[in-house]
């Protein structure tokens, strides 16, 4: 399921990064690689604030939909 479907306060593990190569590289550079656990801090209409590696990052709905995750 896409990251945008995970509710605030929940955690999920990234299982795949989809989309064009430039989007995959951008997300990978931000730390979104298969196996990493993320926590959803805030979600509003698909736009999200995500906790990853002791940091918080904002993702728009387009990028959040490129991250396939499994809920924990």
Protein backbone atom coordinates (compact mmCIF):
# COMPACT_ATOMS: atom_id res chain seq x y z
CA UNK A 1 0.00 0.00 0.00
CA UNK A 2 1.22 3.56 -0.59
CA UNK A 3 2.62 5.53 2.33
CA UNK A 4 -0.17 8.10 1.90
CA UNK A 5 -2.68 5.53 3.25
CA UNK A 6 -0.95 5.18 6.64
CA UNK A 7 -2.59 7.09 9.48
CA UNK A 8 -0.78 9.60 11.72
CA UNK A 9 0.90 7.99 14.72
CA UNK A 10 1.49 4.69 12.90
CA UNK A 11 4.75 3.17 11.71
CA UNK A 12 5.46 1.38 8.45
CA UNK A 13 8.35 -0.33 6.68
CA UNK A 14 9.27 0.72 3.14
CA UNK A 15 9.09 -2.30 0.82
CA UNK A 16 9.54 -0.60 -2.56
CA UNK A 17 10.11 2.76 -4.20
CA UNK A 18 8.21 3.19 -7.47
CA UNK A 19 8.13 5.82 -10.19
CA UNK A 20 10.65 7.39 -12.54
CA UNK A 21 14.38 6.99 -11.91
CA UNK A 22 14.81 10.63 -10.84
CA UNK A 23 12.07 10.25 -8.21
CA UNK A 24 13.61 7.00 -6.95
CA UNK A 25 17.03 8.64 -6.66
CA UNK A 26 15.59 11.65 -4.85
CA UNK A 27 13.70 9.50 -2.34
CA UNK A 28 16.73 7.25 -1.87
CA UNK A 29 18.91 10.28 -1.14
CA UNK A 30 16.41 11.29 1.55
CA UNK A 31 16.76 7.82 3.13
CA UNK A 32 13.64 6.14 1.78
CA UNK A 33 15.05 2.74 0.84
CA UNK A 34 13.52 -0.73 1.21
CA UNK A 35 13.66 -1.94 4.81
CA UNK A 36 13.69 1.44 6.54
CA UNK A 37 10.99 2.10 9.16
CA UNK A 38 9.14 5.42 9.04
CA UNK A 39 6.61 6.98 11.40
CA UNK A 40 3.79 9.24 10.29
CA UNK A 41 3.83 12.49 12.26
CA UNK A 42 1.10 14.33 10.35
CA UNK A 43 -1.03 13.69 7.28
CA UNK A 44 -3.30 16.10 5.45
CA UNK A 45 -4.85 15.19 2.13
CA UNK A 46 -1.92 12.96 1.16
CA UNK A 47 0.74 15.53 2.11
CA UNK A 48 2.72 14.19 5.05
CA UNK A 49 5.35 14.85 7.67
CA UNK A 50 7.30 11.65 8.17
CA UNK A 51 9.81 10.68 10.84
CA UNK A 52 12.82 8.86 9.38
CA UNK A 53 16.32 8.31 10.82
CA UNK A 54 15.82 10.73 13.74
CA UNK A 55 14.63 13.45 11.32
CA UNK A 56 11.33 14.77 10.05
CA UNK A 57 10.67 15.30 6.36
CA UNK A 58 7.71 16.73 4.49
CA UNK A 59 6.47 14.79 1.47
CA UNK A 60 3.83 15.87 -0.99
CA UNK A 61 1.10 13.41 -1.99
CA UNK A 62 2.85 12.56 -5.28
CA UNK A 63 6.04 11.40 -3.54
CA UNK A 64 4.15 9.67 -0.71
CA UNK A 65 2.27 7.60 -3.30
CA UNK A 66 5.58 6.38 -4.80
CA UNK A 67 6.58 4.74 -1.51
CA UNK A 68 5.09 1.27 -1.04
CA UNK A 69 4.99 0.23 2.62
CA UNK A 70 3.76 -2.46 5.00
CA UNK A 71 2.18 -1.30 8.28
CA UNK A 72 3.88 -2.34 11.53
